[in-house]
Structures are given as C-alpha cells and as structure tokens.
Amino acid sequence: MRLFEGTAWDRPPTCGRCGKLEAECTCPPIVAAKELIPPQKQTARLTVEKRKKGKLVTVIRGLSAEANDLPALLTRLKNSCGAGGAIEEDALEIQGDQLNRLQTILGEIGYKVVAR
C-alpha cells in the first residue's frame, strides 16, 4: 500500500471547469480581472501625522486599492525603511517620520510624489 493511496493526492490533477486531466484540458486560461495602473500615472500624497502619545506616522494617500498591489508595496516600503506599517482604509501607514526616505523610494519606483 502506498502512502497516499486512495486520497486526493493519489489521483492526477484535473481541471476544475471541464473535469479532464490537466494535460488534456483545452479550457482557456483564467485572466485576472484586476488591471494595474502604472506608477507613472499615479500621485502619492505623503504626510506626517501625530498619533496617540506623540507617535509619528508617515501616511501615503492617493493610491487606489483597485489599481495597485498595496500589500506588496507596503512590504517593500517597510523593508526599505526598517519600520512597521499597516494598510488603513485607503492609506498606507509607515511608523515614524519617514517622509524623506519614502519620497526617494516612491520616486525611484516611478510615482509622482507630493509631500505636505
């Protein structure tokens, strides 16, 4: 008896739409409905805000969630700044006063940057 005999991992993979083996399937590939807007056509608005207990947070607004991969962008910005951050509603928040560093990084990516 094999280890996975009789389980889903014992059977060859099949197409979820037509039920044929993946090698025999002729279904067209699924295209992602989400189309991203290039950074050159977007403007990022940066501000530094004070939160509870005097903590500073750099907030990035003006980037729509539908036209961007905000989680990937947030991860890249957090790694570059060496700080934490979060996505709050339609804004990205990076801990600390990171205004100059974020202006440089977003400019390198290709975004138009407006700092207040």
PDB file of N, CA and C in Angstrom:
ATOM      1  N   MET A   1       0.843  -1.179   0.000  1.00  0.00           N
ATOM      2  CA  MET A   1       0.000   0.000   0.000  1.00  0.00           C
ATOM      3  C   MET A   1       0.889   1.243   0.000  1.00  0.00           C
ATOM      4  N   ARG A   2       0.551   2.197  -0.896  1.00  0.00           N
ATOM      5  CA  ARG A   2       1.317   3.435  -0.977  1.00  0.00           C
ATOM      6  C   ARG A   2       0.840   4.406   0.093  1.00  0.00           C
ATOM      7  N   LEU A   3       1.660   5.402   0.381  1.00  0.00           N
ATOM      8  CA  LEU A   3       1.369   6.344   1.456  1.00  0.00           C
ATOM      9  C   LEU A   3       0.083   7.132   1.219  1.00  0.00           C
ATOM     10  N   PHE A   4      -0.133   7.630  -0.001  1.00  0.00           N
ATOM     11  CA  PHE A   4      -1.306   8.454  -0.281  1.00  0.00           C
ATOM     12  C   PHE A   4      -2.376   7.709  -1.081  1.00  0.00           C
ATOM     13  N   GLU A   5      -2.341   6.382  -1.105  1.00  0.00           N
ATOM     14  CA  GLU A   5      -3.276   5.607  -1.908  1.00  0.00           C
ATOM     15  C   GLU A   5      -4.720   5.856  -1.459  1.00  0.00           C
ATOM     16  N   GLY A   6      -5.574   6.192  -2.437  1.00  0.00           N
ATOM     17  CA  GLY A   6      -6.978   6.412  -2.147  1.00  0.00           C
ATOM     18  C   GLY A   6      -7.314   7.822  -1.692  1.00  0.00           C
ATOM     19  N   THR A   7      -6.332   8.720  -1.655  1.00  0.00           N
ATOM     20  CA  THR A   7      -6.584  10.104  -1.251  1.00  0.00           C
ATOM     21  C   THR A   7      -6.541  11.008  -2.476  1.00  0.00           C
ATOM     22  N   ALA A   8      -6.838  12.275  -2.258  1.00  0.00           N
ATOM     23  CA  ALA A   8      -6.817  13.241  -3.364  1.00  0.00           C
ATOM     24  C   ALA A   8      -5.424  13.391  -3.957  1.00  0.00           C
ATOM     25  N   TRP A   9      -4.376  13.143  -3.162  1.00  0.00           N
ATOM     26  CA  TRP A   9      -3.005  13.305  -3.648  1.00  0.00           C
ATOM     27  C   TRP A   9      -2.566  12.106  -4.493  1.00  0.00           C
ATOM     28  N   ASP A  10      -3.331  11.016  -4.465  1.00  0.00           N
ATOM     29  CA  ASP A  10      -3.017   9.829  -5.247  1.00  0.00           C
ATOM     30  C   ASP A  10      -3.525   9.967  -6.680  1.00  0.00           C
ATOM     31  N   ARG A  11      -4.518  10.812  -6.884  1.00  0.00           N
ATOM     32  CA  ARG A  11      -5.117  10.983  -8.213  1.00  0.00           C
ATOM     33  C   ARG A  11      -4.405  12.107  -8.973  1.00  0.00           C
ATOM     34  N   PRO A  12      -4.327  11.985 -10.309  1.00  0.00           N
ATOM     35  CA  PRO A  12      -3.698  13.068 -11.083  1.00  0.00           C
ATOM     36  C   PRO A  12      -4.573  14.319 -11.046  1.00  0.00           C
ATOM     37  N   PRO A  13      -3.972  15.500 -11.150  1.00  0.00           N
ATOM     38  CA  PRO A  13      -4.751  16.739 -11.086  1.00  0.00           C
ATOM     39  C   PRO A  13      -5.670  16.896 -12.291  1.00  0.00           C
ATOM     40  N   THR A  14      -6.889  17.409 -12.033  1.00  0.00           N
ATOM     41  CA  THR A  14      -7.859  17.618 -13.098  1.00  0.00           C
ATOM     42  C   THR A  14      -8.273  19.080 -13.124  1.00  0.00           C
ATOM     43  N   CYS A  15      -8.822  19.483 -14.275  1.00  0.00           N
ATOM     44  CA  CYS A  15      -9.309  20.844 -14.454  1.00  0.00           C
ATOM     45  C   CYS A  15     -10.586  21.024 -13.646  1.00  0.00           C
ATOM     46  N   GLY A  16     -10.721  22.151 -12.965  1.00  0.00           N
ATOM     47  CA  GLY A  16     -11.903  22.415 -12.171  1.00  0.00           C
ATOM     48  C   GLY A  16     -13.111  22.793 -12.998  1.00  0.00           C
ATOM     49  N   ARG A  17     -12.893  23.208 -14.250  1.00  0.00           N
ATOM     50  CA  ARG A  17     -14.007  23.626 -15.104  1.00  0.00           C
ATOM     51  C   ARG A  17     -14.556  22.490 -15.948  1.00  0.00           C
ATOM     52  N   CYS A  18     -13.673  21.737 -16.617  1.00  0.00           N
ATOM     53  CA  CYS A  18     -14.175  20.697 -17.531  1.00  0.00           C
ATOM     54  C   CYS A  18     -14.037  19.288 -16.952  1.00  0.00           C
ATOM     55  N   GLY A  19     -13.227  19.090 -15.929  1.00  0.00           N
ATOM     56  CA  GLY A  19     -13.083  17.779 -15.307  1.00  0.00           C
ATOM     57  C   GLY A  19     -12.062  16.871 -15.964  1.00  0.00           C
ATOM     58  N   LYS A  20     -11.464  17.286 -17.079  1.00  0.00           N
ATOM     59  CA  LYS A  20     -10.444  16.480 -17.752  1.00  0.00           C
ATOM     60  C   LYS A  20      -9.124  16.595 -17.002  1.00  0.00           C
ATOM     61  N   LEU A  21      -8.194  15.683 -17.343  1.00  0.00           N
ATOM     62  CA  LEU A  21      -6.851  15.789 -16.776  1.00  0.00           C
ATOM     63  C   LEU A  21      -6.234  17.121 -17.213  1.00  0.00           C
ATOM     64  N   GLU A  22      -5.404  17.689 -16.378  1.00  0.00           N
ATOM     65  CA  GLU A  22      -4.805  18.983 -16.708  1.00  0.00           C
ATOM     66  C   GLU A  22      -4.009  18.929 -18.008  1.00  0.00           C
ATOM     67  N   ALA A  23      -3.388  17.816 -18.294  1.00  0.00           N
ATOM     68  CA  ALA A  23      -2.611  17.679 -19.521  1.00  0.00           C
ATOM     69  C   ALA A  23      -3.504  17.655 -20.759  1.00  0.00           C
ATOM     70  N   GLU A  24      -4.762  17.217 -20.628  1.00  0.00           N
ATOM     71  CA  GLU A  24      -5.688  17.114 -21.752  1.00  0.00           C
ATOM     72  C   GLU A  24      -6.662  18.289 -21.832  1.00  0.00           C
ATOM     73  N   CYS A  25      -6.677  19.146 -20.864  1.00  0.00           N
ATOM     74  CA  CYS A  25      -7.629  20.248 -20.780  1.00  0.00           C
ATOM     75  C   CYS A  25      -7.375  21.272 -21.888  1.00  0.00           C
ATOM     76  N   THR A  26      -8.448  21.750 -22.504  1.00  0.00           N
ATOM     77  CA  THR A  26      -8.344  22.770 -23.551  1.00  0.00           C
ATOM     78  C   THR A  26      -9.032  24.071 -23.143  1.00  0.00           C
ATOM     79  N   CYS A  27      -9.384  24.207 -21.869  1.00  0.00           N
ATOM     80  CA  CYS A  27     -10.039  25.431 -21.392  1.00  0.00           C
ATOM     81  C   CYS A  27      -9.068  26.611 -21.506  1.00  0.00           C
ATOM     82  N   PRO A  28      -9.573  27.803 -21.877  1.00  0.00           N
ATOM     83  CA  PRO A  28      -8.684  28.972 -21.932  1.00  0.00           C
ATOM     84  C   PRO A  28      -8.230  29.355 -20.527  1.00  0.00           C
ATOM     85  N   PRO A  29      -7.024  29.903 -20.394  1.00  0.00           N
ATOM     86  CA  PRO A  29      -6.530  30.284 -19.066  1.00  0.00           C
ATOM     87  C   PRO A  29      -7.390  31.390 -18.468  1.00  0.00           C
ATOM     88  N   ILE A  30      -7.471  31.384 -17.161  1.00  0.00           N
ATOM     89  CA  ILE A  30      -8.224  32.410 -16.449  1.00  0.00           C
ATOM     90  C   ILE A  30      -7.379  33.666 -16.384  1.00  0.00           C
ATOM     91  N   VAL A  31      -7.945  34.774 -16.861  1.00  0.00           N
ATOM     92  CA  VAL A  31      -7.244  36.049 -16.880  1.00  0.00           C
ATOM     93  C   VAL A  31      -7.687  36.848 -15.667  1.00  0.00           C
ATOM     94  N   ALA A  32      -6.736  37.434 -14.993  1.00  0.00           N
ATOM     95  CA  ALA A  32      -7.068  38.248 -13.828  1.00  0.00           C
ATOM     96  C   ALA A  32      -7.870  39.466 -14.270  1.00  0.00           C
ATOM     97  N   ALA A  33      -8.974  39.729 -13.579  1.00  0.00           N
ATOM     98  CA  ALA A  33      -9.839  40.849 -13.936  1.00  0.00           C
ATOM     99  C   ALA A  33      -9.255  42.183 -13.481  1.00  0.00           C
ATOM    100  N   LYS A  34      -8.347  42.131 -12.546  1.00  0.00           N
ATOM    101  CA  LYS A  34      -7.766  43.349 -11.988  1.00  0.00           C
ATOM    102  C   LYS A  34      -6.641  43.852 -12.886  1.00  0.00           C
ATOM    103  N   GLU A  35      -6.758  45.076 -13.350  1.00  0.00           N
ATOM    104  CA  GLU A  35      -5.729  45.667 -14.194  1.00  0.00           C
ATOM    105  C   GLU A  35      -5.051  46.778 -13.406  1.00  0.00           C
ATOM    106  N   LEU A  36      -3.742  46.704 -13.302  1.00  0.00           N
ATOM    107  CA  LEU A  36      -2.989  47.672 -12.517  1.00  0.00           C
ATOM    108  C   LEU A  36      -2.644  48.897 -13.351  1.00  0.00           C
ATOM    109  N   ILE A  37      -2.692  50.054 -12.717  1.00  0.00           N
ATOM    110  CA  ILE A  37      -2.312  51.304 -13.368  1.00  0.00           C
ATOM    111  C   ILE A  37      -0.821  51.511 -13.121  1.00  0.00           C
ATOM    112  N   PRO A  38      -0.042  51.878 -14.134  1.00  0.00           N
ATOM    113  CA  PRO A  38       1.399  52.072 -13.924  1.00  0.00           C
ATOM    114  C   PRO A  38       1.665  53.216 -12.947  1.00  0.00           C
ATOM    115  N   PRO A  39       2.748  53.126 -12.175  1.00  0.00           N
ATOM    116  CA  PRO A  39       3.062  54.157 -11.182  1.00  0.00           C
ATOM    117  C   PRO A  39       3.222  55.555 -11.773  1.00  0.00           C
ATOM    118  N   GLN A  40       3.673  55.665 -13.018  1.00  0.00           N
ATOM    119  CA  GLN A  40       3.904  56.968 -13.621  1.00  0.00           C
ATOM    120  C   GLN A  40       2.613  57.778 -13.769  1.00  0.00           C
ATOM    121  N   LYS A  41       1.470  57.120 -13.764  1.00  0.00           N
ATOM    122  CA  LYS A  41       0.182  57.794 -13.922  1.00  0.00           C
ATOM    123  C   LYS A  41      -0.525  58.038 -12.591  1.00  0.00           C
ATOM    124  N   GLN A  42       0.185  57.841 -11.468  1.00  0.00           N
ATOM    125  CA  GLN A  42      -0.425  57.994 -10.159  1.00  0.00           C
ATOM    126  C   GLN A  42       0.377  58.986  -9.313  1.00  0.00           C
ATOM    127  N   THR A  43      -0.317  59.646  -8.390  1.00  0.00           N
ATOM    128  CA  THR A  43       0.327  60.587  -7.493  1.00  0.00           C
ATOM    129  C   THR A  43       0.152  60.111  -6.058  1.00  0.00           C
ATOM    130  N   ALA A  44       1.251  59.986  -5.350  1.00  0.00           N
ATOM    131  CA  ALA A  44       1.231  59.602  -3.941  1.00  0.00           C
ATOM    132  C   ALA A  44       1.364  60.861  -3.096  1.00  0.00           C
ATOM    133  N   ARG A  45       0.441  61.040  -2.158  1.00  0.00           N
ATOM    134  CA  ARG A  45       0.464  62.196  -1.262  1.00  0.00           C
ATOM    135  C   ARG A  45       0.971  61.748   0.098  1.00  0.00           C
ATOM    136  N   LEU A  46       2.079  62.341   0.531  1.00  0.00           N
ATOM    137  CA  LEU A  46       2.715  61.954   1.790  1.00  0.00           C
ATOM    138  C   LEU A  46       2.484  63.016   2.857  1.00  0.00           C
ATOM    139  N   THR A  47       2.150  62.557   4.047  1.00  0.00           N
ATOM    140  CA  THR A  47       2.034  63.459   5.194  1.00  0.00           C
ATOM    141  C   THR A  47       2.584  62.751   6.420  1.00  0.00           C
ATOM    142  N   VAL A  48       3.038  63.540   7.378  1.00  0.00           N
ATOM    143  CA  VAL A  48       3.459  63.004   8.665  1.00  0.00           C
ATOM    144  C   VAL A  48       2.409  63.450   9.673  1.00  0.00           C
ATOM    145  N   GLU A  49       1.830  62.469  10.373  1.00  0.00           N
ATOM    146  CA  GLU A  49       0.777  62.765  11.336  1.00  0.00           C
ATOM    147  C   GLU A  49       1.200  62.310  12.717  1.00  0.00           C
ATOM    148  N   LYS A  50       0.684  62.996  13.717  1.00  0.00           N
ATOM    149  CA  LYS A  50       0.967  62.640  15.102  1.00  0.00           C
ATOM    150  C   LYS A  50      -0.199  61.819  15.634  1.00  0.00           C
ATOM    151  N   ARG A  51       0.104  60.710  16.270  1.00  0.00           N
ATOM    152  CA  ARG A  51      -0.913  59.822  16.819  1.00  0.00           C
ATOM    153  C   ARG A  51      -0.894  59.883  18.345  1.00  0.00           C
ATOM    154  N   LYS A  52      -1.594  58.970  18.947  1.00  0.00           N
ATOM    155  CA  LYS A  52      -1.658  58.935  20.405  1.00  0.00           C
ATOM    156  C   LYS A  52      -0.270  58.877  21.018  1.00  0.00           C
ATOM    157  N   LYS A  53      -0.140  59.509  22.148  1.00  0.00           N
ATOM    158  CA  LYS A  53       1.112  59.505  22.922  1.00  0.00           C
ATOM    159  C   LYS A  53       2.282  60.078  22.144  1.00  0.00           C
ATOM    160  N   GLY A  54       2.009  60.934  21.147  1.00  0.00           N
ATOM    161  CA  GLY A  54       3.061  61.631  20.428  1.00  0.00           C
ATOM    162  C   GLY A  54       3.786  60.829  19.371  1.00  0.00           C
ATOM    163  N   LYS A  55       3.275  59.657  19.019  1.00  0.00           N
ATOM    164  CA  LYS A  55       3.915  58.826  17.993  1.00  0.00           C
ATOM    165  C   LYS A  55       3.707  59.442  16.612  1.00  0.00           C
ATOM    166  N   LEU A  56       4.747  59.419  15.790  1.00  0.00           N
ATOM    167  CA  LEU A  56       4.651  59.937  14.425  1.00  0.00           C
ATOM    168  C   LEU A  56       4.433  58.786  13.443  1.00  0.00           C
ATOM    169  N   VAL A  57       3.599  59.057  12.446  1.00  0.00           N
ATOM    170  CA  VAL A  57       3.302  58.080  11.405  1.00  0.00           C
ATOM    171  C   VAL A  57       3.344  58.796  10.064  1.00  0.00           C
ATOM    172  N   THR A  58       4.017  58.209   9.084  1.00  0.00           N
ATOM    173  CA  THR A  58       4.017  58.754   7.729  1.00  0.00           C
ATOM    174  C   THR A  58       2.903  58.056   6.957  1.00  0.00           C
ATOM    175  N   VAL A  59       1.993  58.848   6.387  1.00  0.00           N
ATOM    176  CA  VAL A  59       0.815  58.315   5.711  1.00  0.00           C
ATOM    177  C   VAL A  59       0.918  58.591   4.214  1.00  0.00           C
ATOM    178  N   ILE A  60       0.644  57.566   3.418  1.00  0.00           N
ATOM    179  CA  ILE A  60       0.651  57.675   1.955  1.00  0.00           C
ATOM    180  C   ILE A  60      -0.784  57.530   1.483  1.00  0.00           C
ATOM    181  N   ARG A  61      -1.301  58.568   0.837  1.00  0.00           N
ATOM    182  CA  ARG A  61      -2.669  58.542   0.308  1.00  0.00           C
ATOM    183  C   ARG A  61      -2.626  58.786  -1.195  1.00  0.00           C
ATOM    184  N   GLY A  62      -3.748  58.551  -1.852  1.00  0.00           N
ATOM    185  CA  GLY A  62      -3.859  58.830  -3.278  1.00  0.00           C
ATOM    186  C   GLY A  62      -3.629  57.624  -4.166  1.00  0.00           C
ATOM    187  N   LEU A  63      -3.338  56.475  -3.581  1.00  0.00           N
ATOM    188  CA  LEU A  63      -3.139  55.261  -4.372  1.00  0.00           C
ATOM    189  C   LEU A  63      -4.352  54.367  -4.174  1.00  0.00           C
ATOM    190  N   SER A  64      -5.092  54.082  -5.236  1.00  0.00           N
ATOM    191  CA  SER A  64      -6.308  53.284  -5.095  1.00  0.00           C
ATOM    192  C   SER A  64      -5.961  51.806  -4.915  1.00  0.00           C
ATOM    193  N   ALA A  65      -6.740  51.141  -4.097  1.00  0.00           N
ATOM    194  CA  ALA A  65      -6.501  49.727  -3.824  1.00  0.00           C
ATOM    195  C   ALA A  65      -6.791  48.865  -5.050  1.00  0.00           C
ATOM    196  N   GLU A  66      -7.735  49.303  -5.901  1.00  0.00           N
ATOM    197  CA  GLU A  66      -8.087  48.514  -7.081  1.00  0.00           C
ATOM    198  C   GLU A  66      -7.003  48.574  -8.152  1.00  0.00           C
ATOM    199  N   ALA A  67      -6.251  49.670  -8.211  1.00  0.00           N
ATOM    200  CA  ALA A  67      -5.274  49.866  -9.275  1.00  0.00           C
ATOM    201  C   ALA A  67      -3.844  49.527  -8.852  1.00  0.00           C
ATOM    202  N   ASN A  68      -3.655  49.084  -7.606  1.00  0.00           N
ATOM    203  CA  ASN A  68      -2.314  48.796  -7.090  1.00  0.00           C
ATOM    204  C   ASN A  68      -2.315  47.507  -6.288  1.00  0.00           C
ATOM    205  N   ASP A  69      -1.141  46.939  -6.140  1.00  0.00           N
ATOM    206  CA  ASP A  69      -0.949  45.818  -5.229  1.00  0.00           C
ATOM    207  C   ASP A  69      -0.410  46.414  -3.927  1.00  0.00           C
ATOM    208  N   LEU A  70      -1.322  46.964  -3.115  1.00  0.00           N
ATOM    209  CA  LEU A  70      -0.910  47.689  -1.914  1.00  0.00           C
ATOM    210  C   LEU A  70      -0.167  46.818  -0.895  1.00  0.00           C
ATOM    211  N   PRO A  71      -0.567  45.559  -0.656  1.00  0.00           N
ATOM    212  CA  PRO A  71       0.213  44.757   0.292  1.00  0.00           C
ATOM    213  C   PRO A  71       1.673  44.574  -0.124  1.00  0.00           C
ATOM    214  N   ALA A  72       1.922  44.365  -1.409  1.00  0.00           N
ATOM    215  CA  ALA A  72       3.300  44.203  -1.884  1.00  0.00           C
ATOM    216  C   ALA A  72       4.066  45.519  -1.772  1.00  0.00           C
ATOM    217  N   LEU A  73       3.406  46.632  -2.101  1.00  0.00           N
ATOM    218  CA  LEU A  73       4.046  47.938  -1.990  1.00  0.00           C
ATOM    219  C   LEU A  73       4.365  48.251  -0.533  1.00  0.00           C
ATOM    220  N   LEU A  74       3.436  47.957   0.370  1.00  0.00           N
ATOM    221  CA  LEU A  74       3.665  48.200   1.790  1.00  0.00           C
ATOM    222  C   LEU A  74       4.850  47.388   2.300  1.00  0.00           C
ATOM    223  N   THR A  75       4.929  46.145   1.906  1.00  0.00           N
ATOM    224  CA  THR A  75       6.052  45.297   2.328  1.00  0.00           C
ATOM    225  C   THR A  75       7.376  45.876   1.842  1.00  0.00           C
ATOM    226  N   ARG A  76       7.414  46.317   0.601  1.00  0.00           N
ATOM    227  CA  ARG A  76       8.641  46.902   0.050  1.00  0.00           C
ATOM    228  C   ARG A  76       9.038  48.169   0.810  1.00  0.00           C
ATOM    229  N   LEU A  77       8.063  49.025   1.104  1.00  0.00           N
ATOM    230  CA  LEU A  77       8.350  50.267   1.822  1.00  0.00           C
ATOM    231  C   LEU A  77       8.792  49.996   3.255  1.00  0.00           C
ATOM    232  N   LYS A  78       8.144  49.069   3.926  1.00  0.00           N
ATOM    233  CA  LYS A  78       8.520  48.736   5.302  1.00  0.00           C
ATOM    234  C   LYS A  78       9.936  48.183   5.361  1.00  0.00           C
ATOM    235  N   ASN A  79      10.273  47.319   4.413  1.00  0.00           N
ATOM    236  CA  ASN A  79      11.622  46.749   4.381  1.00  0.00           C
ATOM    237  C   ASN A  79      12.665  47.824   4.099  1.00  0.00           C
ATOM    238  N   SER A  80      12.346  48.752   3.222  1.00  0.00           N
ATOM    239  CA  SER A  80      13.298  49.811   2.887  1.00  0.00           C
ATOM    240  C   SER A  80      13.514  50.763   4.052  1.00  0.00           C
ATOM    241  N   CYS A  81      12.460  51.013   4.818  1.00  0.00           N
ATOM    242  CA  CYS A  81      12.561  51.952   5.944  1.00  0.00           C
ATOM    243  C   CYS A  81      12.986  51.270   7.241  1.00  0.00           C
ATOM    244  N   GLY A  82      12.858  49.964   7.312  1.00  0.00           N
ATOM    245  CA  GLY A  82      13.169  49.262   8.551  1.00  0.00           C
ATOM    246  C   GLY A  82      12.181  49.607   9.641  1.00  0.00           C
ATOM    247  N   ALA A  83      10.921  49.764   9.259  1.00  0.00           N
ATOM    248  CA  ALA A  83       9.887  50.152  10.205  1.00  0.00           C
ATOM    249  C   ALA A  83       8.635  49.326   9.953  1.00  0.00           C
ATOM    250  N   GLY A  84       7.717  49.377  10.907  1.00  0.00           N
ATOM    251  CA  GLY A  84       6.440  48.692  10.754  1.00  0.00           C
ATOM    252  C   GLY A  84       5.474  49.549   9.972  1.00  0.00           C
ATOM    253  N   GLY A  85       4.341  48.970   9.649  1.00  0.00           N
ATOM    254  CA  GLY A  85       3.332  49.723   8.927  1.00  0.00           C
ATOM    255  C   GLY A  85       2.072  48.915   8.756  1.00  0.00           C
ATOM    256  N   ALA A  86       1.053  49.561   8.200  1.00  0.00           N
ATOM    257  CA  ALA A  86      -0.235  48.902   8.005  1.00  0.00           C
ATOM    258  C   ALA A  86      -0.995  49.589   6.877  1.00  0.00           C
ATOM    259  N   ILE A  87      -2.019  48.898   6.387  1.00  0.00           N
ATOM    260  CA  ILE A  87      -2.941  49.484   5.427  1.00  0.00           C
ATOM    261  C   ILE A  87      -4.187  49.857   6.211  1.00  0.00           C
ATOM    262  N   GLU A  88      -4.520  51.122   6.234  1.00  0.00           N
ATOM    263  CA  GLU A  88      -5.706  51.617   6.923  1.00  0.00           C
ATOM    264  C   GLU A  88      -6.619  52.258   5.896  1.00  0.00           C
ATOM    265  N   GLU A  89      -7.780  51.629   5.656  1.00  0.00           N
ATOM    266  CA  GLU A  89      -8.755  52.080   4.670  1.00  0.00           C
ATOM    267  C   GLU A  89      -8.076  52.266   3.315  1.00  0.00           C
ATOM    268  N   ASP A  90      -7.903  53.486   2.837  1.00  0.00           N
ATOM    269  CA  ASP A  90      -7.282  53.703   1.530  1.00  0.00           C
ATOM    270  C   ASP A  90      -5.900  54.337   1.669  1.00  0.00           C
ATOM    271  N   ALA A  91      -5.242  54.144   2.801  1.00  0.00           N
ATOM    272  CA  ALA A  91      -3.938  54.761   3.049  1.00  0.00           C
ATOM    273  C   ALA A  91      -2.937  53.723   3.553  1.00  0.00           C
ATOM    274  N   LEU A  92      -1.685  53.957   3.224  1.00  0.00           N
ATOM    275  CA  LEU A  92      -0.591  53.150   3.769  1.00  0.00           C
ATOM    276  C   LEU A  92       0.046  53.943   4.897  1.00  0.00           C
ATOM    277  N   GLU A  93       0.307  53.295   6.023  1.00  0.00           N
ATOM    278  CA  GLU A  93       0.929  53.969   7.156  1.00  0.00           C
ATOM    279  C   GLU A  93       2.253  53.289   7.473  1.00  0.00           C
ATOM    280  N   ILE A  94       3.291  54.097   7.598  1.00  0.00           N
ATOM    281  CA  ILE A  94       4.618  53.625   7.971  1.00  0.00           C
ATOM    282  C   ILE A  94       4.979  54.305   9.292  1.00  0.00           C
ATOM    283  N   GLN A  95       5.433  53.537  10.256  1.00  0.00           N
ATOM    284  CA  GLN A  95       5.762  54.092  11.568  1.00  0.00           C
ATOM    285  C   GLN A  95       6.960  55.025  11.492  1.00  0.00           C
ATOM    286  N   GLY A  96       6.863  56.135  12.212  1.00  0.00           N
ATOM    287  CA  GLY A  96       7.959  57.085  12.301  1.00  0.00           C
ATOM    288  C   GLY A  96       7.901  58.155  11.230  1.00  0.00           C
ATOM    289  N   ASP A  97       8.808  59.112  11.339  1.00  0.00           N
ATOM    290  CA  ASP A  97       8.911  60.195  10.360  1.00  0.00           C
ATOM    291  C   ASP A  97       9.818  59.723   9.230  1.00  0.00           C
ATOM    292  N   GLN A  98       9.239  59.115   8.220  1.00  0.00           N
ATOM    293  CA  GLN A  98       9.975  58.526   7.100  1.00  0.00           C
ATOM    294  C   GLN A  98       9.756  59.310   5.812  1.00  0.00           C
ATOM    295  N   LEU A  99       9.378  60.579   5.916  1.00  0.00           N
ATOM    296  CA  LEU A  99       8.968  61.372   4.763  1.00  0.00           C
ATOM    297  C   LEU A  99      10.036  61.414   3.667  1.00  0.00           C
ATOM    298  N   ASN A 100      11.258  61.797   4.012  1.00  0.00           N
ATOM    299  CA  ASN A 100      12.321  61.921   3.003  1.00  0.00           C
ATOM    300  C   ASN A 100      12.659  60.581   2.358  1.00  0.00           C
ATOM    301  N   ARG A 101      12.737  59.548   3.160  1.00  0.00           N
ATOM    302  CA  ARG A 101      13.089  58.228   2.641  1.00  0.00           C
ATOM    303  C   ARG A 101      11.990  57.714   1.703  1.00  0.00           C
ATOM    304  N   LEU A 102      10.717  57.894   2.092  1.00  0.00           N
ATOM    305  CA  LEU A 102       9.625  57.428   1.247  1.00  0.00           C
ATOM    306  C   LEU A 102       9.512  58.232  -0.040  1.00  0.00           C
ATOM    307  N   GLN A 103       9.818  59.543   0.012  1.00  0.00           N
ATOM    308  CA  GLN A 103       9.829  60.347  -1.211  1.00  0.00           C
ATOM    309  C   GLN A 103      10.818  59.768  -2.206  1.00  0.00           C
ATOM    310  N   THR A 104      11.994  59.422  -1.736  1.00  0.00           N
ATOM    311  CA  THR A 104      13.035  58.868  -2.599  1.00  0.00           C
ATOM    312  C   THR A 104      12.616  57.518  -3.171  1.00  0.00           C
ATOM    313  N   ILE A 105      12.126  56.622  -2.318  1.00  0.00           N
ATOM    314  CA  ILE A 105      11.767  55.276  -2.754  1.00  0.00           C
ATOM    315  C   ILE A 105      10.616  55.311  -3.758  1.00  0.00           C
ATOM    316  N   LEU A 106       9.558  56.060  -3.435  1.00  0.00           N
ATOM    317  CA  LEU A 106       8.413  56.132  -4.341  1.00  0.00           C
ATOM    318  C   LEU A 106       8.789  56.801  -5.663  1.00  0.00           C
ATOM    319  N   GLY A 107       9.679  57.798  -5.604  1.00  0.00           N
ATOM    320  CA  GLY A 107      10.171  58.428  -6.824  1.00  0.00           C
ATOM    321  C   GLY A 107      10.948  57.449  -7.694  1.00  0.00           C
ATOM    322  N   GLU A 108      11.757  56.599  -7.071  1.00  0.00           N
ATOM    323  CA  GLU A 108      12.517  55.580  -7.821  1.00  0.00           C
ATOM    324  C   GLU A 108      11.585  54.565  -8.480  1.00  0.00           C
ATOM    325  N   ILE A 109      10.492  54.224  -7.780  1.00  0.00           N
ATOM    326  CA  ILE A 109       9.528  53.287  -8.340  1.00  0.00           C
ATOM    327  C   ILE A 109       8.835  53.919  -9.556  1.00  0.00           C
ATOM    328  N   GLY A 110       8.643  55.235  -9.516  1.00  0.00           N
ATOM    329  CA  GLY A 110       8.019  55.917 -10.640  1.00  0.00           C
ATOM    330  C   GLY A 110       6.791  56.732 -10.290  1.00  0.00           C
ATOM    331  N   TYR A 111       6.398  56.749  -9.032  1.00  0.00           N
ATOM    332  CA  TYR A 111       5.235  57.530  -8.622  1.00  0.00           C
ATOM    333  C   TYR A 111       5.563  59.021  -8.600  1.00  0.00           C
ATOM    334  N   LYS A 112       4.569  59.845  -8.907  1.00  0.00           N
ATOM    335  CA  LYS A 112       4.696  61.291  -8.678  1.00  0.00           C
ATOM    336  C   LYS A 112       4.434  61.489  -7.200  1.00  0.00           C
ATOM    337  N   VAL A 113       5.288  62.235  -6.530  1.00  0.00           N
ATOM    338  CA  VAL A 113       5.186  62.378  -5.072  1.00  0.00           C
ATOM    339  C   VAL A 113       4.920  63.828  -4.701  1.00  0.00           C
ATOM    340  N   VAL A 114       3.918  64.020  -3.838  1.00  0.00           N
ATOM    341  CA  VAL A 114       3.594  65.325  -3.294  1.00  0.00           C
ATOM    342  C   VAL A 114       3.673  65.199  -1.775  1.00  0.00           C
ATOM    343  N   ALA A 115       4.567  65.966  -1.164  1.00  0.00           N
ATOM    344  CA  ALA A 115       4.723  65.925   0.297  1.00  0.00           C
ATOM    345  C   ALA A 115       4.135  67.180   0.903  1.00  0.00           C
ATOM    346  N   ARG A 116       3.448  67.005   2.005  1.00  0.00           N
ATOM    347  CA  ARG A 116       2.859  68.143   2.722  1.00  0.00           C
ATOM    348  C   ARG A 116       3.495  68.298   4.065  1.00  0.00           C
TER     349      ARG A 116
END
